[in-house]
PDB file of N, CA and C in Angstrom:
ATOM      1  N   MET A   1      23.993  31.696 -22.516  1.00  0.00           N
ATOM      2  CA  MET A   1      23.445  32.140 -21.244  1.00  0.00           C
ATOM      3  C   MET A   1      24.382  33.178 -20.630  1.00  0.00           C
ATOM      4  N   ASN A   2      23.863  34.334 -20.353  1.00  0.00           N
ATOM      5  CA  ASN A   2      24.651  35.363 -19.703  1.00  0.00           C
ATOM      6  C   ASN A   2      23.730  36.253 -18.885  1.00  0.00           C
ATOM      7  N   ARG A   3      23.216  35.678 -17.846  1.00  0.00           N
ATOM      8  CA  ARG A   3      22.270  36.413 -17.018  1.00  0.00           C
ATOM      9  C   ARG A   3      22.934  37.578 -16.300  1.00  0.00           C
ATOM     10  N   PHE A   4      24.221  37.412 -15.932  1.00  0.00           N
ATOM     11  CA  PHE A   4      24.927  38.499 -15.260  1.00  0.00           C
ATOM     12  C   PHE A   4      25.017  39.719 -16.172  1.00  0.00           C
ATOM     13  N   GLY A   5      25.475  39.515 -17.390  1.00  0.00           N
ATOM     14  CA  GLY A   5      25.597  40.620 -18.342  1.00  0.00           C
ATOM     15  C   GLY A   5      24.263  41.286 -18.620  1.00  0.00           C
ATOM     16  N   GLU A   6      23.215  40.459 -18.759  1.00  0.00           N
ATOM     17  CA  GLU A   6      21.869  41.003 -18.990  1.00  0.00           C
ATOM     18  C   GLU A   6      21.427  41.856 -17.810  1.00  0.00           C
ATOM     19  N   LYS A   7      21.731  41.383 -16.611  1.00  0.00           N
ATOM     20  CA  LYS A   7      21.367  42.107 -15.392  1.00  0.00           C
ATOM     21  C   LYS A   7      22.085  43.453 -15.335  1.00  0.00           C
ATOM     22  N   ILE A   8      23.367  43.468 -15.668  1.00  0.00           N
ATOM     23  CA  ILE A   8      24.141  44.704 -15.640  1.00  0.00           C
ATOM     24  C   ILE A   8      23.603  45.696 -16.680  1.00  0.00           C
ATOM     25  N   ARG A   9      23.338  45.200 -17.875  1.00  0.00           N
ATOM     26  CA  ARG A   9      22.785  46.084 -18.915  1.00  0.00           C
ATOM     27  C   ARG A   9      21.453  46.674 -18.465  1.00  0.00           C
ATOM     28  N   LYS A  10      20.600  45.842 -17.899  1.00  0.00           N
ATOM     29  CA  LYS A  10      19.291  46.312 -17.432  1.00  0.00           C
ATOM     30  C   LYS A  10      19.458  47.382 -16.350  1.00  0.00           C
ATOM     31  N   LEU A  11      20.332  47.139 -15.390  1.00  0.00           N
ATOM     32  CA  LEU A  11      20.568  48.121 -14.327  1.00  0.00           C
ATOM     33  C   LEU A  11      21.139  49.424 -14.894  1.00  0.00           C
ATOM     34  N   ARG A  12      22.058  49.294 -15.830  1.00  0.00           N
ATOM     35  CA  ARG A  12      22.662  50.480 -16.456  1.00  0.00           C
ATOM     36  C   ARG A  12      21.601  51.308 -17.170  1.00  0.00           C
ATOM     37  N   GLU A  13      20.758  50.616 -17.936  1.00  0.00           N
ATOM     38  CA  GLU A  13      19.712  51.322 -18.692  1.00  0.00           C
ATOM     39  C   GLU A  13      18.659  51.929 -17.767  1.00  0.00           C
ATOM     40  N   GLU A  14      18.293  51.200 -16.707  1.00  0.00           N
ATOM     41  CA  GLU A  14      17.321  51.735 -15.745  1.00  0.00           C
ATOM     42  C   GLU A  14      17.850  52.997 -15.073  1.00  0.00           C
ATOM     43  N   ASN A  15      19.170  53.051 -14.910  1.00  0.00           N
ATOM     44  CA  ASN A  15      19.802  54.212 -14.280  1.00  0.00           C
ATOM     45  C   ASN A  15      20.224  55.259 -15.300  1.00  0.00           C
ATOM     46  N   LYS A  16      19.805  55.040 -16.548  1.00  0.00           N
ATOM     47  CA  LYS A  16      20.076  55.980 -17.645  1.00  0.00           C
ATOM     48  C   LYS A  16      21.553  56.348 -17.774  1.00  0.00           C
ATOM     49  N   LEU A  17      22.386  55.313 -17.687  1.00  0.00           N
ATOM     50  CA  LEU A  17      23.823  55.503 -17.851  1.00  0.00           C
ATOM     51  C   LEU A  17      24.260  54.965 -19.208  1.00  0.00           C
ATOM     52  N   LEU A  18      25.115  55.684 -19.868  1.00  0.00           N
ATOM     53  CA  LEU A  18      25.728  55.197 -21.100  1.00  0.00           C
ATOM     54  C   LEU A  18      26.842  54.228 -20.739  1.00  0.00           C
ATOM     55  N   LEU A  19      27.187  53.381 -21.690  1.00  0.00           N
ATOM     56  CA  LEU A  19      28.296  52.445 -21.474  1.00  0.00           C
ATOM     57  C   LEU A  19      29.537  53.179 -20.975  1.00  0.00           C
ATOM     58  N   ARG A  20      29.878  54.255 -21.631  1.00  0.00           N
ATOM     59  CA  ARG A  20      31.106  54.974 -21.273  1.00  0.00           C
ATOM     60  C   ARG A  20      31.030  55.555 -19.868  1.00  0.00           C
ATOM     61  N   GLN A  21      29.838  55.958 -19.433  1.00  0.00           N
ATOM     62  CA  GLN A  21      29.687  56.520 -18.091  1.00  0.00           C
ATOM     63  C   GLN A  21      29.917  55.454 -17.018  1.00  0.00           C
ATOM     64  N   LEU A  22      29.296  54.292 -17.209  1.00  0.00           N
ATOM     65  CA  LEU A  22      29.471  53.219 -16.236  1.00  0.00           C
ATOM     66  C   LEU A  22      30.892  52.670 -16.295  1.00  0.00           C
ATOM     67  N   ALA A  23      31.422  52.526 -17.474  1.00  0.00           N
ATOM     68  CA  ALA A  23      32.792  52.032 -17.623  1.00  0.00           C
ATOM     69  C   ALA A  23      33.762  52.940 -16.874  1.00  0.00           C
ATOM     70  N   SER A  24      33.557  54.232 -16.965  1.00  0.00           N
ATOM     71  CA  SER A  24      34.413  55.191 -16.272  1.00  0.00           C
ATOM     72  C   SER A  24      34.352  54.986 -14.757  1.00  0.00           C
ATOM     73  N   LYS A  25      33.169  54.720 -14.245  1.00  0.00           N
ATOM     74  CA  LYS A  25      33.008  54.486 -12.808  1.00  0.00           C
ATOM     75  C   LYS A  25      33.715  53.201 -12.362  1.00  0.00           C
ATOM     76  N   LEU A  26      33.854  52.248 -13.279  1.00  0.00           N
ATOM     77  CA  LEU A  26      34.531  50.983 -12.971  1.00  0.00           C
ATOM     78  C   LEU A  26      36.014  51.032 -13.323  1.00  0.00           C
ATOM     79  N   ASP A  27      36.444  52.140 -13.888  1.00  0.00           N
ATOM     80  CA  ASP A  27      37.832  52.331 -14.322  1.00  0.00           C
ATOM     81  C   ASP A  27      38.239  51.296 -15.386  1.00  0.00           C
ATOM     82  N   ILE A  28      37.313  51.051 -16.318  1.00  0.00           N
ATOM     83  CA  ILE A  28      37.594  50.197 -17.474  1.00  0.00           C
ATOM     84  C   ILE A  28      37.115  50.949 -18.716  1.00  0.00           C
ATOM     85  N   ASP A  29      37.458  50.450 -19.896  1.00  0.00           N
ATOM     86  CA  ASP A  29      36.970  51.140 -21.088  1.00  0.00           C
ATOM     87  C   ASP A  29      35.610  50.586 -21.513  1.00  0.00           C
ATOM     88  N   SER A  30      34.947  51.334 -22.368  1.00  0.00           N
ATOM     89  CA  SER A  30      33.597  50.976 -22.821  1.00  0.00           C
ATOM     90  C   SER A  30      33.558  49.619 -23.505  1.00  0.00           C
ATOM     91  N   ALA A  31      34.604  49.297 -24.262  1.00  0.00           N
ATOM     92  CA  ALA A  31      34.648  48.013 -24.970  1.00  0.00           C
ATOM     93  C   ALA A  31      34.649  46.851 -23.985  1.00  0.00           C
ATOM     94  N   GLN A  32      35.386  46.989 -22.879  1.00  0.00           N
ATOM     95  CA  GLN A  32      35.413  45.924 -21.874  1.00  0.00           C
ATOM     96  C   GLN A  32      34.038  45.743 -21.245  1.00  0.00           C
ATOM     97  N   LEU A  33      33.394  46.842 -20.898  1.00  0.00           N
ATOM     98  CA  LEU A  33      32.063  46.755 -20.297  1.00  0.00           C
ATOM     99  C   LEU A  33      31.067  46.153 -21.278  1.00  0.00           C
ATOM    100  N   SER A  34      31.155  46.539 -22.524  1.00  0.00           N
ATOM    101  CA  SER A  34      30.272  45.984 -23.540  1.00  0.00           C
ATOM    102  C   SER A  34      30.447  44.461 -23.636  1.00  0.00           C
ATOM    103  N   LYS A  35      31.682  44.011 -23.583  1.00  0.00           N
ATOM    104  CA  LYS A  35      31.954  42.566 -23.627  1.00  0.00           C
ATOM    105  C   LYS A  35      31.410  41.863 -22.396  1.00  0.00           C
ATOM    106  N   ILE A  36      31.495  42.498 -21.245  1.00  0.00           N
ATOM    107  CA  ILE A  36      30.926  41.920 -20.019  1.00  0.00           C
ATOM    108  C   ILE A  36      29.417  41.778 -20.180  1.00  0.00           C
ATOM    109  N   GLU A  37      28.771  42.813 -20.680  1.00  0.00           N
ATOM    110  CA  GLU A  37      27.321  42.767 -20.869  1.00  0.00           C
ATOM    111  C   GLU A  37      26.908  41.695 -21.868  1.00  0.00           C
ATOM    112  N   ARG A  38      27.728  41.452 -22.880  1.00  0.00           N
ATOM    113  CA  ARG A  38      27.410  40.444 -23.897  1.00  0.00           C
ATOM    114  C   ARG A  38      27.882  39.038 -23.507  1.00  0.00           C
ATOM    115  N   GLY A  39      28.584  38.919 -22.400  1.00  0.00           N
ATOM    116  CA  GLY A  39      29.062  37.620 -21.953  1.00  0.00           C
ATOM    117  C   GLY A  39      30.334  37.167 -22.634  1.00  0.00           C
ATOM    118  N   GLU A  40      31.018  38.074 -23.283  1.00  0.00           N
ATOM    119  CA  GLU A  40      32.262  37.737 -23.974  1.00  0.00           C
ATOM    120  C   GLU A  40      33.481  37.913 -23.073  1.00  0.00           C
ATOM    121  N   ARG A  41      33.259  38.512 -21.928  1.00  0.00           N
ATOM    122  CA  ARG A  41      34.327  38.740 -20.967  1.00  0.00           C
ATOM    123  C   ARG A  41      33.730  38.603 -19.576  1.00  0.00           C
ATOM    124  N   ARG A  42      34.498  38.067 -18.657  1.00  0.00           N
ATOM    125  CA  ARG A  42      34.027  37.873 -17.291  1.00  0.00           C
ATOM    126  C   ARG A  42      34.443  39.078 -16.438  1.00  0.00           C
ATOM    127  N   ALA A  43      33.505  39.602 -15.686  1.00  0.00           N
ATOM    128  CA  ALA A  43      33.816  40.690 -14.751  1.00  0.00           C
ATOM    129  C   ALA A  43      34.651  40.138 -13.604  1.00  0.00           C
ATOM    130  N   LYS A  44      35.436  40.985 -13.008  1.00  0.00           N
ATOM    131  CA  LYS A  44      36.199  40.606 -11.823  1.00  0.00           C
ATOM    132  C   LYS A  44      35.309  40.760 -10.601  1.00  0.00           C
ATOM    133  N   ARG A  45      35.609  40.004  -9.571  1.00  0.00           N
ATOM    134  CA  ARG A  45      34.811  40.057  -8.341  1.00  0.00           C
ATOM    135  C   ARG A  45      34.713  41.499  -7.814  1.00  0.00           C
ATOM    136  N   GLU A  46      35.827  42.218  -7.835  1.00  0.00           N
ATOM    137  CA  GLU A  46      35.822  43.597  -7.340  1.00  0.00           C
ATOM    138  C   GLU A  46      34.855  44.466  -8.148  1.00  0.00           C
ATOM    139  N   GLN A  47      34.766  44.190  -9.447  1.00  0.00           N
ATOM    140  CA  GLN A  47      33.853  44.952 -10.300  1.00  0.00           C
ATOM    141  C   GLN A  47      32.404  44.629  -9.952  1.00  0.00           C
ATOM    142  N   VAL A  48      32.146  43.368  -9.643  1.00  0.00           N
ATOM    143  CA  VAL A  48      30.786  42.967  -9.259  1.00  0.00           C
ATOM    144  C   VAL A  48      30.377  43.702  -7.987  1.00  0.00           C
ATOM    145  N   LEU A  49      31.275  43.745  -7.016  1.00  0.00           N
ATOM    146  CA  LEU A  49      30.987  44.440  -5.764  1.00  0.00           C
ATOM    147  C   LEU A  49      30.804  45.942  -5.997  1.00  0.00           C
ATOM    148  N   ALA A  50      31.617  46.509  -6.870  1.00  0.00           N
ATOM    149  CA  ALA A  50      31.482  47.932  -7.201  1.00  0.00           C
ATOM    150  C   ALA A  50      30.139  48.204  -7.877  1.00  0.00           C
ATOM    151  N   LEU A  51      29.733  47.308  -8.761  1.00  0.00           N
ATOM    152  CA  LEU A  51      28.444  47.471  -9.444  1.00  0.00           C
ATOM    153  C   LEU A  51      27.290  47.404  -8.450  1.00  0.00           C
ATOM    154  N   ALA A  52      27.360  46.488  -7.516  1.00  0.00           N
ATOM    155  CA  ALA A  52      26.305  46.372  -6.509  1.00  0.00           C
ATOM    156  C   ALA A  52      26.196  47.669  -5.711  1.00  0.00           C
ATOM    157  N   LYS A  53      27.334  48.234  -5.364  1.00  0.00           N
ATOM    158  CA  LYS A  53      27.345  49.486  -4.601  1.00  0.00           C
ATOM    159  C   LYS A  53      26.820  50.652  -5.453  1.00  0.00           C
ATOM    160  N   LEU A  54      27.284  50.732  -6.698  1.00  0.00           N
ATOM    161  CA  LEU A  54      26.847  51.807  -7.595  1.00  0.00           C
ATOM    162  C   LEU A  54      25.341  51.796  -7.825  1.00  0.00           C
ATOM    163  N   PHE A  55      24.810  50.585  -8.040  1.00  0.00           N
ATOM    164  CA  PHE A  55      23.387  50.463  -8.352  1.00  0.00           C
ATOM    165  C   PHE A  55      22.512  50.267  -7.114  1.00  0.00           C
ATOM    166  N   LYS A  56      23.164  50.193  -5.948  1.00  0.00           N
ATOM    167  CA  LYS A  56      22.443  49.991  -4.682  1.00  0.00           C
ATOM    168  C   LYS A  56      21.548  48.748  -4.741  1.00  0.00           C
ATOM    169  N   VAL A  57      22.165  47.645  -5.178  1.00  0.00           N
ATOM    170  CA  VAL A  57      21.458  46.362  -5.214  1.00  0.00           C
ATOM    171  C   VAL A  57      22.172  45.392  -4.270  1.00  0.00           C
ATOM    172  N   ASP A  58      21.479  44.337  -3.919  1.00  0.00           N
ATOM    173  CA  ASP A  58      22.022  43.333  -3.012  1.00  0.00           C
ATOM    174  C   ASP A  58      23.267  42.689  -3.613  1.00  0.00           C
ATOM    175  N   LYS A  59      24.389  42.820  -2.926  1.00  0.00           N
ATOM    176  CA  LYS A  59      25.637  42.287  -3.467  1.00  0.00           C
ATOM    177  C   LYS A  59      25.604  40.763  -3.562  1.00  0.00           C
ATOM    178  N   GLU A  60      24.905  40.107  -2.634  1.00  0.00           N
ATOM    179  CA  GLU A  60      24.826  38.639  -2.667  1.00  0.00           C
ATOM    180  C   GLU A  60      24.079  38.166  -3.920  1.00  0.00           C
ATOM    181  N   GLU A  61      23.030  38.877  -4.279  1.00  0.00           N
ATOM    182  CA  GLU A  61      22.270  38.517  -5.480  1.00  0.00           C
ATOM    183  C   GLU A  61      23.119  38.704  -6.733  1.00  0.00           C
ATOM    184  N   LEU A  62      23.823  39.827  -6.803  1.00  0.00           N
ATOM    185  CA  LEU A  62      24.661  40.091  -7.966  1.00  0.00           C
ATOM    186  C   LEU A  62      25.815  39.093  -8.040  1.00  0.00           C
ATOM    187  N   LEU A  63      26.399  38.770  -6.894  1.00  0.00           N
ATOM    188  CA  LEU A  63      27.463  37.756  -6.864  1.00  0.00           C
ATOM    189  C   LEU A  63      26.924  36.396  -7.305  1.00  0.00           C
ATOM    190  N   ALA A  64      25.676  36.100  -6.941  1.00  0.00           N
ATOM    191  CA  ALA A  64      25.074  34.819  -7.341  1.00  0.00           C
ATOM    192  C   ALA A  64      24.954  34.736  -8.865  1.00  0.00           C
ATOM    193  N   PHE A  65      24.525  35.824  -9.505  1.00  0.00           N
ATOM    194  CA  PHE A  65      24.448  35.848 -10.975  1.00  0.00           C
ATOM    195  C   PHE A  65      25.837  35.640 -11.580  1.00  0.00           C
ATOM    196  N   TRP A  66      26.824  36.326 -11.017  1.00  0.00           N
ATOM    197  CA  TRP A  66      28.203  36.249 -11.512  1.00  0.00           C
ATOM    198  C   TRP A  66      28.769  34.841 -11.338  1.00  0.00           C
ATOM    199  N   LEU A  67      28.592  34.272 -10.150  1.00  0.00           N
ATOM    200  CA  LEU A  67      29.093  32.921  -9.900  1.00  0.00           C
ATOM    201  C   LEU A  67      28.376  31.884 -10.755  1.00  0.00           C
ATOM    202  N   ALA A  68      27.074  32.055 -10.937  1.00  0.00           N
ATOM    203  CA  ALA A  68      26.313  31.126 -11.777  1.00  0.00           C
ATOM    204  C   ALA A  68      26.867  31.109 -13.195  1.00  0.00           C
ATOM    205  N   GLY A  69      27.261  32.261 -13.685  1.00  0.00           N
ATOM    206  CA  GLY A  69      27.863  32.334 -15.025  1.00  0.00           C
ATOM    207  C   GLY A  69      29.176  31.582 -15.092  1.00  0.00           C
ATOM    208  N   LYS A  70      29.974  31.684 -14.035  1.00  0.00           N
ATOM    209  CA  LYS A  70      31.247  30.967 -13.994  1.00  0.00           C
ATOM    210  C   LYS A  70      31.015  29.455 -13.965  1.00  0.00           C
ATOM    211  N   VAL A  71      30.070  29.033 -13.150  1.00  0.00           N
ATOM    212  CA  VAL A  71      29.748  27.603 -13.054  1.00  0.00           C
ATOM    213  C   VAL A  71      29.233  27.091 -14.392  1.00  0.00           C
ATOM    214  N   TYR A  72      28.362  27.869 -15.009  1.00  0.00           N
ATOM    215  CA  TYR A  72      27.804  27.481 -16.300  1.00  0.00           C
ATOM    216  C   TYR A  72      28.908  27.273 -17.337  1.00  0.00           C
ATOM    217  N   GLU A  73      29.855  28.187 -17.395  1.00  0.00           N
ATOM    218  CA  GLU A  73      30.946  28.077 -18.371  1.00  0.00           C
ATOM    219  C   GLU A  73      31.743  26.793 -18.185  1.00  0.00           C
ATOM    220  N   VAL A  74      31.934  26.378 -16.957  1.00  0.00           N
ATOM    221  CA  VAL A  74      32.686  25.150 -16.682  1.00  0.00           C
ATOM    222  C   VAL A  74      31.881  23.912 -17.048  1.00  0.00           C
ATOM    223  N   LEU A  75      30.584  23.932 -16.766  1.00  0.00           N
ATOM    224  CA  LEU A  75      29.768  22.719 -16.887  1.00  0.00           C
ATOM    225  C   LEU A  75      28.916  22.602 -18.150  1.00  0.00           C
ATOM    226  N   LYS A  76      28.822  23.639 -18.949  1.00  0.00           N
ATOM    227  CA  LYS A  76      27.852  23.669 -20.040  1.00  0.00           C
ATOM    228  C   LYS A  76      27.950  22.512 -21.026  1.00  0.00           C
ATOM    229  N   ASP A  77      29.114  21.984 -21.255  1.00  0.00           N
ATOM    230  CA  ASP A  77      29.271  20.903 -22.230  1.00  0.00           C
ATOM    231  C   ASP A  77      29.469  19.535 -21.592  1.00  0.00           C
ATOM    232  N   GLU A  78      29.287  19.455 -20.298  1.00  0.00           N
ATOM    233  CA  GLU A  78      29.500  18.203 -19.576  1.00  0.00           C
ATOM    234  C   GLU A  78      28.195  17.402 -19.478  1.00  0.00           C
ATOM    235  N   ASP A  79      28.275  16.129 -19.817  1.00  0.00           N
ATOM    236  CA  ASP A  79      27.099  15.259 -19.712  1.00  0.00           C
ATOM    237  C   ASP A  79      26.662  15.071 -18.261  1.00  0.00           C
ATOM    238  N   SER A  80      27.601  15.112 -17.352  1.00  0.00           N
ATOM    239  CA  SER A  80      27.282  14.868 -15.939  1.00  0.00           C
ATOM    240  C   SER A  80      27.166  16.173 -15.144  1.00  0.00           C
ATOM    241  N   ALA A  81      26.801  17.255 -15.804  1.00  0.00           N
ATOM    242  CA  ALA A  81      26.720  18.562 -15.158  1.00  0.00           C
ATOM    243  C   ALA A  81      25.752  18.564 -13.975  1.00  0.00           C
ATOM    244  N   HIS A  82      24.570  17.989 -14.147  1.00  0.00           N
ATOM    245  CA  HIS A  82      23.581  17.991 -13.067  1.00  0.00           C
ATOM    246  C   HIS A  82      24.086  17.212 -11.863  1.00  0.00           C
ATOM    247  N   CYS A  83      24.702  16.101 -12.115  1.00  0.00           N
ATOM    248  CA  CYS A  83      25.264  15.289 -11.035  1.00  0.00           C
ATOM    249  C   CYS A  83      26.365  16.072 -10.319  1.00  0.00           C
ATOM    250  N   ALA A  84      27.221  16.722 -11.081  1.00  0.00           N
ATOM    251  CA  ALA A  84      28.305  17.515 -10.497  1.00  0.00           C
ATOM    252  C   ALA A  84      27.750  18.639  -9.631  1.00  0.00           C
ATOM    253  N   LEU A  85      26.683  19.273 -10.076  1.00  0.00           N
ATOM    254  CA  LEU A  85      26.068  20.347  -9.292  1.00  0.00           C
ATOM    255  C   LEU A  85      25.521  19.822  -7.964  1.00  0.00           C
ATOM    256  N   LYS A  86      24.914  18.647  -8.000  1.00  0.00           N
ATOM    257  CA  LYS A  86      24.389  18.043  -6.770  1.00  0.00           C
ATOM    258  C   LYS A  86      25.521  17.743  -5.789  1.00  0.00           C
ATOM    259  N   VAL A  87      26.600  17.193  -6.307  1.00  0.00           N
ATOM    260  CA  VAL A  87      27.758  16.895  -5.458  1.00  0.00           C
ATOM    261  C   VAL A  87      28.324  18.187  -4.866  1.00  0.00           C
ATOM    262  N   ALA A  88      28.465  19.203  -5.693  1.00  0.00           N
ATOM    263  CA  ALA A  88      28.998  20.483  -5.225  1.00  0.00           C
ATOM    264  C   ALA A  88      28.084  21.097  -4.171  1.00  0.00           C
ATOM    265  N   GLU A  89      26.787  20.994  -4.394  1.00  0.00           N
ATOM    266  CA  GLU A  89      25.835  21.540  -3.419  1.00  0.00           C
ATOM    267  C   GLU A  89      25.991  20.845  -2.067  1.00  0.00           C
ATOM    268  N   LYS A  90      26.150  19.535  -2.077  1.00  0.00           N
ATOM    269  CA  LYS A  90      26.360  18.786  -0.830  1.00  0.00           C
ATOM    270  C   LYS A  90      27.661  19.221  -0.158  1.00  0.00           C
ATOM    271  N   GLU A  91      28.707  19.395  -0.961  1.00  0.00           N
ATOM    272  CA  GLU A  91      30.000  19.828  -0.421  1.00  0.00           C
ATOM    273  C   GLU A  91      29.877  21.200   0.247  1.00  0.00           C
ATOM    274  N   ILE A  92      29.201  22.108  -0.429  1.00  0.00           N
ATOM    275  CA  ILE A  92      29.036  23.464   0.103  1.00  0.00           C
ATOM    276  C   ILE A  92      28.205  23.432   1.382  1.00  0.00           C
ATOM    277  N   SER A  93      27.119  22.664   1.372  1.00  0.00           N
ATOM    278  CA  SER A  93      26.270  22.552   2.561  1.00  0.00           C
ATOM    279  C   SER A  93      27.050  21.956   3.725  1.00  0.00           C
ATOM    280  N   SER A  94      27.842  20.956   3.439  1.00  0.00           N
ATOM    281  CA  SER A  94      28.656  20.314   4.473  1.00  0.00           C
ATOM    282  C   SER A  94      29.675  21.300   5.043  1.00  0.00           C
ATOM    283  N   LYS A  95      30.279  22.078   4.190  1.00  0.00           N
ATOM    284  CA  LYS A  95      31.271  23.072   4.625  1.00  0.00           C
ATOM    285  C   LYS A  95      30.618  24.109   5.535  1.00  0.00           C
ATOM    286  N   LYS A  96      29.412  24.555   5.179  1.00  0.00           N
ATOM    287  CA  LYS A  96      28.713  25.552   5.990  1.00  0.00           C
ATOM    288  C   LYS A  96      28.405  25.005   7.378  1.00  0.00           C
ATOM    289  N   ILE A  97      28.033  23.728   7.452  1.00  0.00           N
ATOM    290  CA  ILE A  97      27.723  23.104   8.740  1.00  0.00           C
ATOM    291  C   ILE A  97      28.979  23.070   9.604  1.00  0.00           C
ATOM    292  N   HIS A  98      30.111  22.740   9.029  1.00  0.00           N
ATOM    293  CA  HIS A  98      31.357  22.653   9.785  1.00  0.00           C
ATOM    294  C   HIS A  98      31.876  24.020  10.221  1.00  0.00           C
ATOM    295  N   LEU A  99      31.500  25.072   9.504  1.00  0.00           N
ATOM    296  CA  LEU A  99      31.962  26.419   9.853  1.00  0.00           C
ATOM    297  C   LEU A  99      31.167  27.027  10.997  1.00  0.00           C
ATOM    298  N   LYS A 100      29.999  26.498  11.272  1.00  0.00           N
ATOM    299  CA  LYS A 100      29.139  27.071  12.338  1.00  0.00           C
ATOM    300  C   LYS A 100      29.616  26.686  13.705  1.00  0.00           C
TER     301      LYS A 100
END
């Protein structure tokens, strides 16, 4: 599962950019970007924000894809993954209530 990488590749292709062109805009090499698109390397948060700005897409949506990939990597082999997600969701919801 690598929805973030798929999303980046789709945006790059829709914008008719070559790997090397987009990589240059992110100040990384083409091989690194290719690995990000294939899910073999994780993008940095700053890169996600830069991509959202470059492609003029909602940064929250792009961050959600990126974070989902991170969560997936941690939980993919865990038998109690669904339970852990429910607990985390409650924790996050509780934190948001306390911050208001």
